[in-house]
Amino acid sequence: SLQIKKRQQDVVGFLEANRIVFEEVDITMQEEKRLWMYKNMPEEKLPEKGNPLPPQIFNGEQYCGDYEDFFQSKENNTVFSFLGLNSTPSVKVNVLTL
C-alpha cells in the first residue's frame, strides 16, 4: 500500500540523513527473515489476525518497534535511544519491509 511505502521511506530517509548504517530487508522475498521477524517480535506487537505491518525495526536481534513507535520517538527527539544507539551510531539497524 502507498501508506506502507511512505512509512518505509520515512524511516529509511531518517536513517540515511543521520548516517546510520542499516540493512533494509524485504521479507516478502525471504521466508527465513520473515519467520525470524515473527520469532523476535514481542507477543504484544503481533496482531491477532494477519501479519504485522512493515516497517518493523530491529537493532541486531533486539526489537526496537514499528512505525508508530519510530514516529513517536521522532516527535520526542529520542530516536537514537529508540534504536538502541548512542548519538554516534556504530551498529547496523535492520528495517524489515515489504
N, C-alpha and C. Protein backbone atom coordinates (compact mmCIF):
# COMPACT_ATOMS: atom_id res chain seq x y z
N SER A 1 0.83 -1.19 0.00
CA SER A 1 0.00 0.00 0.00
C SER A 1 0.88 1.25 0.00
N LEU A 2 0.30 2.34 -0.43
CA LEU A 2 1.02 3.61 -0.51
C LEU A 2 1.45 4.09 0.87
N GLN A 3 0.59 3.91 1.86
CA GLN A 3 0.92 4.35 3.23
C GLN A 3 2.13 3.57 3.77
N ILE A 4 2.16 2.27 3.51
CA ILE A 4 3.29 1.45 3.98
C ILE A 4 4.58 1.91 3.31
N LYS A 5 4.54 2.12 2.00
CA LYS A 5 5.73 2.61 1.27
C LYS A 5 6.21 3.94 1.83
N LYS A 6 5.27 4.84 2.11
CA LYS A 6 5.62 6.16 2.65
C LYS A 6 6.28 6.02 4.02
N ARG A 7 5.75 5.14 4.84
CA ARG A 7 6.32 4.92 6.18
C ARG A 7 7.72 4.33 6.08
N GLN A 8 7.89 3.38 5.16
CA GLN A 8 9.21 2.77 4.97
C GLN A 8 10.21 3.84 4.52
N GLN A 9 9.78 4.70 3.58
CA GLN A 9 10.66 5.76 3.08
C GLN A 9 10.99 6.76 4.19
N ASP A 10 10.04 7.02 5.08
CA ASP A 10 10.27 7.94 6.19
C ASP A 10 11.38 7.40 7.10
N VAL A 11 11.31 6.13 7.44
CA VAL A 11 12.32 5.52 8.31
C VAL A 11 13.68 5.50 7.61
N VAL A 12 13.70 5.00 6.37
CA VAL A 12 14.95 4.91 5.61
C VAL A 12 15.56 6.30 5.41
N GLY A 13 14.73 7.29 5.07
CA GLY A 13 15.21 8.65 4.89
C GLY A 13 15.86 9.21 6.14
N PHE A 14 15.24 8.95 7.29
CA PHE A 14 15.80 9.43 8.56
C PHE A 14 17.15 8.76 8.82
N LEU A 15 17.22 7.45 8.61
CA LEU A 15 18.47 6.72 8.86
C LEU A 15 19.58 7.23 7.95
N GLU A 16 19.25 7.43 6.67
CA GLU A 16 20.24 7.95 5.71
C GLU A 16 20.69 9.36 6.09
N ALA A 17 19.74 10.22 6.42
CA ALA A 17 20.06 11.61 6.76
C ALA A 17 20.97 11.69 7.99
N ASN A 18 20.83 10.72 8.88
CA ASN A 18 21.63 10.71 10.11
C ASN A 18 22.83 9.78 10.01
N ARG A 19 23.11 9.32 8.80
CA ARG A 19 24.26 8.44 8.52
C ARG A 19 24.29 7.22 9.43
N ILE A 20 23.11 6.64 9.65
CA ILE A 20 23.01 5.41 10.44
C ILE A 20 23.07 4.25 9.45
N VAL A 21 24.02 3.35 9.66
CA VAL A 21 24.15 2.19 8.78
C VAL A 21 22.98 1.25 9.05
N PHE A 22 22.32 0.83 7.97
CA PHE A 22 21.18 -0.07 8.15
C PHE A 22 21.09 -1.03 6.98
N GLU A 23 20.33 -2.08 7.20
CA GLU A 23 20.04 -3.03 6.15
C GLU A 23 18.53 -3.10 5.99
N GLU A 24 18.07 -2.86 4.79
CA GLU A 24 16.64 -2.96 4.52
C GLU A 24 16.38 -4.38 4.04
N VAL A 25 15.49 -5.09 4.72
CA VAL A 25 15.21 -6.49 4.42
C VAL A 25 13.79 -6.61 3.90
N ASP A 26 13.66 -7.10 2.67
CA ASP A 26 12.34 -7.31 2.08
C ASP A 26 11.86 -8.71 2.47
N ILE A 27 10.93 -8.76 3.43
CA ILE A 27 10.51 -10.07 3.95
C ILE A 27 9.58 -10.83 3.01
N THR A 28 9.10 -10.18 1.95
CA THR A 28 8.24 -10.91 1.01
C THR A 28 9.07 -11.88 0.18
N MET A 29 10.36 -11.60 0.04
CA MET A 29 11.23 -12.43 -0.79
C MET A 29 12.10 -13.39 0.03
N GLN A 30 12.07 -13.27 1.35
CA GLN A 30 12.96 -14.06 2.19
C GLN A 30 12.17 -14.68 3.35
N GLU A 31 11.70 -15.88 3.12
CA GLU A 31 10.87 -16.58 4.11
C GLU A 31 11.57 -16.71 5.46
N GLU A 32 12.87 -17.04 5.46
CA GLU A 32 13.56 -17.24 6.74
C GLU A 32 13.66 -15.94 7.53
N LYS A 33 13.77 -14.79 6.83
CA LYS A 33 13.80 -13.49 7.52
C LYS A 33 12.43 -13.15 8.10
N ARG A 34 11.38 -13.51 7.36
CA ARG A 34 10.02 -13.27 7.84
C ARG A 34 9.76 -14.07 9.12
N LEU A 35 10.14 -15.34 9.10
CA LEU A 35 9.96 -16.19 10.27
C LEU A 35 10.80 -15.69 11.44
N TRP A 36 12.01 -15.23 11.15
CA TRP A 36 12.89 -14.67 12.18
C TRP A 36 12.21 -13.45 12.82
N MET A 37 11.62 -12.59 11.98
CA MET A 37 10.95 -11.40 12.49
C MET A 37 9.83 -11.79 13.46
N TYR A 38 8.98 -12.74 13.06
CA TYR A 38 7.88 -13.16 13.93
C TYR A 38 8.40 -13.68 15.26
N LYS A 39 9.48 -14.46 15.19
CA LYS A 39 10.04 -15.08 16.39
C LYS A 39 10.63 -14.04 17.34
N ASN A 40 11.15 -12.94 16.79
CA ASN A 40 11.86 -11.95 17.60
C ASN A 40 11.04 -10.72 17.97
N MET A 41 9.78 -10.69 17.55
CA MET A 41 8.91 -9.58 17.95
C MET A 41 8.22 -9.93 19.27
N PRO A 42 8.02 -8.93 20.14
CA PRO A 42 7.28 -9.19 21.37
C PRO A 42 5.84 -9.61 21.04
N GLU A 43 5.31 -10.51 21.84
CA GLU A 43 3.97 -11.04 21.57
C GLU A 43 2.92 -9.94 21.45
N GLU A 44 3.03 -8.89 22.27
CA GLU A 44 2.01 -7.83 22.25
C GLU A 44 2.05 -7.01 20.95
N LYS A 45 3.13 -7.13 20.17
CA LYS A 45 3.22 -6.42 18.90
C LYS A 45 2.69 -7.25 17.73
N LEU A 46 2.44 -8.53 17.96
CA LEU A 46 1.90 -9.38 16.90
C LEU A 46 0.39 -9.18 16.83
N PRO A 47 -0.15 -8.92 15.64
CA PRO A 47 -1.60 -8.73 15.54
C PRO A 47 -2.34 -10.05 15.77
N GLU A 48 -3.59 -9.94 16.25
CA GLU A 48 -4.39 -11.14 16.46
C GLU A 48 -4.64 -11.87 15.16
N LYS A 49 -4.86 -11.08 14.08
CA LYS A 49 -5.09 -11.66 12.76
C LYS A 49 -4.13 -11.02 11.77
N GLY A 50 -3.74 -11.77 10.78
CA GLY A 50 -2.90 -11.21 9.73
C GLY A 50 -1.45 -11.05 10.15
N ASN A 51 -0.75 -10.22 9.41
CA ASN A 51 0.67 -10.02 9.63
C ASN A 51 0.96 -8.63 10.18
N PRO A 52 2.06 -8.49 10.93
CA PRO A 52 2.43 -7.15 11.38
C PRO A 52 2.78 -6.28 10.18
N LEU A 53 2.35 -5.04 10.22
CA LEU A 53 2.62 -4.13 9.11
C LEU A 53 4.05 -3.62 9.15
N PRO A 54 4.70 -3.58 8.01
CA PRO A 54 6.04 -3.00 7.95
C PRO A 54 5.96 -1.48 8.00
N PRO A 55 7.02 -0.80 8.33
CA PRO A 55 8.31 -1.41 8.69
C PRO A 55 8.34 -1.83 10.17
N GLN A 56 9.07 -2.90 10.43
CA GLN A 56 9.39 -3.35 11.78
C GLN A 56 10.89 -3.12 11.94
N ILE A 57 11.29 -2.54 13.04
CA ILE A 57 12.68 -2.08 13.19
C ILE A 57 13.39 -2.87 14.29
N PHE A 58 14.56 -3.37 13.94
CA PHE A 58 15.40 -4.13 14.86
C PHE A 58 16.80 -3.53 14.89
N ASN A 59 17.47 -3.66 16.02
CA ASN A 59 18.89 -3.36 16.12
C ASN A 59 19.55 -4.70 16.42
N GLY A 60 20.13 -5.32 15.40
CA GLY A 60 20.62 -6.69 15.55
C GLY A 60 19.43 -7.58 15.81
N GLU A 61 19.42 -8.28 16.94
CA GLU A 61 18.29 -9.15 17.27
C GLU A 61 17.32 -8.47 18.22
N GLN A 62 17.64 -7.25 18.64
CA GLN A 62 16.79 -6.51 19.58
C GLN A 62 15.68 -5.78 18.83
N TYR A 63 14.44 -6.09 19.20
CA TYR A 63 13.29 -5.42 18.58
C TYR A 63 13.21 -3.99 19.10
N CYS A 64 13.16 -3.01 18.18
CA CYS A 64 13.03 -1.60 18.57
C CYS A 64 11.57 -1.16 18.55
N GLY A 65 10.85 -1.54 17.47
CA GLY A 65 9.45 -1.17 17.39
C GLY A 65 8.97 -1.08 15.95
N ASP A 66 7.74 -0.60 15.82
CA ASP A 66 7.14 -0.46 14.49
C ASP A 66 7.16 1.02 14.10
N TYR A 67 6.46 1.35 13.03
CA TYR A 67 6.47 2.74 12.56
C TYR A 67 5.90 3.70 13.60
N GLU A 68 4.81 3.30 14.26
CA GLU A 68 4.20 4.18 15.26
C GLU A 68 5.19 4.51 16.37
N ASP A 69 5.94 3.49 16.81
CA ASP A 69 6.96 3.71 17.85
C ASP A 69 8.06 4.63 17.34
N PHE A 70 8.48 4.40 16.09
CA PHE A 70 9.51 5.25 15.47
C PHE A 70 9.03 6.69 15.39
N PHE A 71 7.81 6.88 14.90
CA PHE A 71 7.25 8.22 14.74
C PHE A 71 7.19 8.94 16.09
N GLN A 72 6.74 8.23 17.11
CA GLN A 72 6.64 8.81 18.46
C GLN A 72 8.02 9.23 18.96
N SER A 73 9.02 8.38 18.72
CA SER A 73 10.37 8.71 19.18
C SER A 73 10.93 9.91 18.40
N LYS A 74 10.54 10.02 17.13
CA LYS A 74 10.97 11.17 16.32
C LYS A 74 10.35 12.45 16.88
N GLU A 75 9.06 12.39 17.20
CA GLU A 75 8.35 13.54 17.77
C GLU A 75 8.98 13.98 19.09
N ASN A 76 9.43 12.98 19.88
CA ASN A 76 10.00 13.26 21.20
C ASN A 76 11.51 13.47 21.15
N ASN A 77 12.08 13.43 19.94
CA ASN A 77 13.52 13.61 19.76
C ASN A 77 14.32 12.55 20.53
N THR A 78 13.83 11.30 20.51
CA THR A 78 14.50 10.21 21.22
C THR A 78 14.80 9.03 20.29
N VAL A 79 14.96 9.31 19.00
CA VAL A 79 15.14 8.22 18.03
C VAL A 79 16.39 7.40 18.31
N PHE A 80 17.49 8.06 18.68
CA PHE A 80 18.71 7.30 18.91
C PHE A 80 18.54 6.29 20.05
N SER A 81 17.89 6.70 21.14
CA SER A 81 17.66 5.73 22.21
C SER A 81 16.63 4.68 21.79
N PHE A 82 15.62 5.08 21.00
CA PHE A 82 14.65 4.12 20.46
C PHE A 82 15.38 3.03 19.67
N LEU A 83 16.38 3.44 18.88
CA LEU A 83 17.14 2.49 18.07
C LEU A 83 18.22 1.76 18.87
N GLY A 84 18.37 2.11 20.14
CA GLY A 84 19.39 1.48 20.97
C GLY A 84 20.79 1.96 20.61
N LEU A 85 20.89 3.23 20.17
CA LEU A 85 22.17 3.77 19.73
C LEU A 85 22.61 4.92 20.60
N ASN A 86 23.93 5.14 20.64
CA ASN A 86 24.46 6.39 21.19
C ASN A 86 24.21 7.45 20.13
N SER A 87 24.52 8.68 20.42
CA SER A 87 24.30 9.72 19.42
C SER A 87 25.26 9.56 18.23
N THR A 88 26.33 8.80 18.40
CA THR A 88 27.20 8.48 17.27
C THR A 88 27.07 6.99 16.98
N PRO A 89 26.17 6.64 16.08
CA PRO A 89 25.86 5.22 15.84
C PRO A 89 27.05 4.45 15.29
N SER A 90 27.18 3.21 15.75
CA SER A 90 28.27 2.37 15.26
C SER A 90 27.77 0.96 14.95
N VAL A 91 26.46 0.76 15.03
CA VAL A 91 25.93 -0.56 14.73
C VAL A 91 24.96 -0.47 13.57
N LYS A 92 24.65 -1.62 13.03
CA LYS A 92 23.74 -1.67 11.89
C LYS A 92 22.32 -1.94 12.37
N VAL A 93 21.39 -1.16 11.87
CA VAL A 93 19.97 -1.30 12.20
C VAL A 93 19.30 -2.03 11.05
N ASN A 94 18.43 -2.97 11.35
CA ASN A 94 17.67 -3.69 10.32
C ASN A 94 16.27 -3.12 10.24
N VAL A 95 15.84 -2.80 9.03
CA VAL A 95 14.49 -2.32 8.78
C VAL A 95 13.81 -3.37 7.91
N LEU A 96 12.84 -4.07 8.47
CA LEU A 96 12.17 -5.13 7.73
C LEU A 96 10.98 -4.55 7.00
N THR A 97 10.97 -4.72 5.68
CA THR A 97 9.97 -4.08 4.83
C THR A 97 9.33 -5.08 3.90
N LEU A 98 8.31 -4.61 3.19
CA LEU A 98 7.66 -5.41 2.14
C LEU A 98 8.10 -4.89 0.79
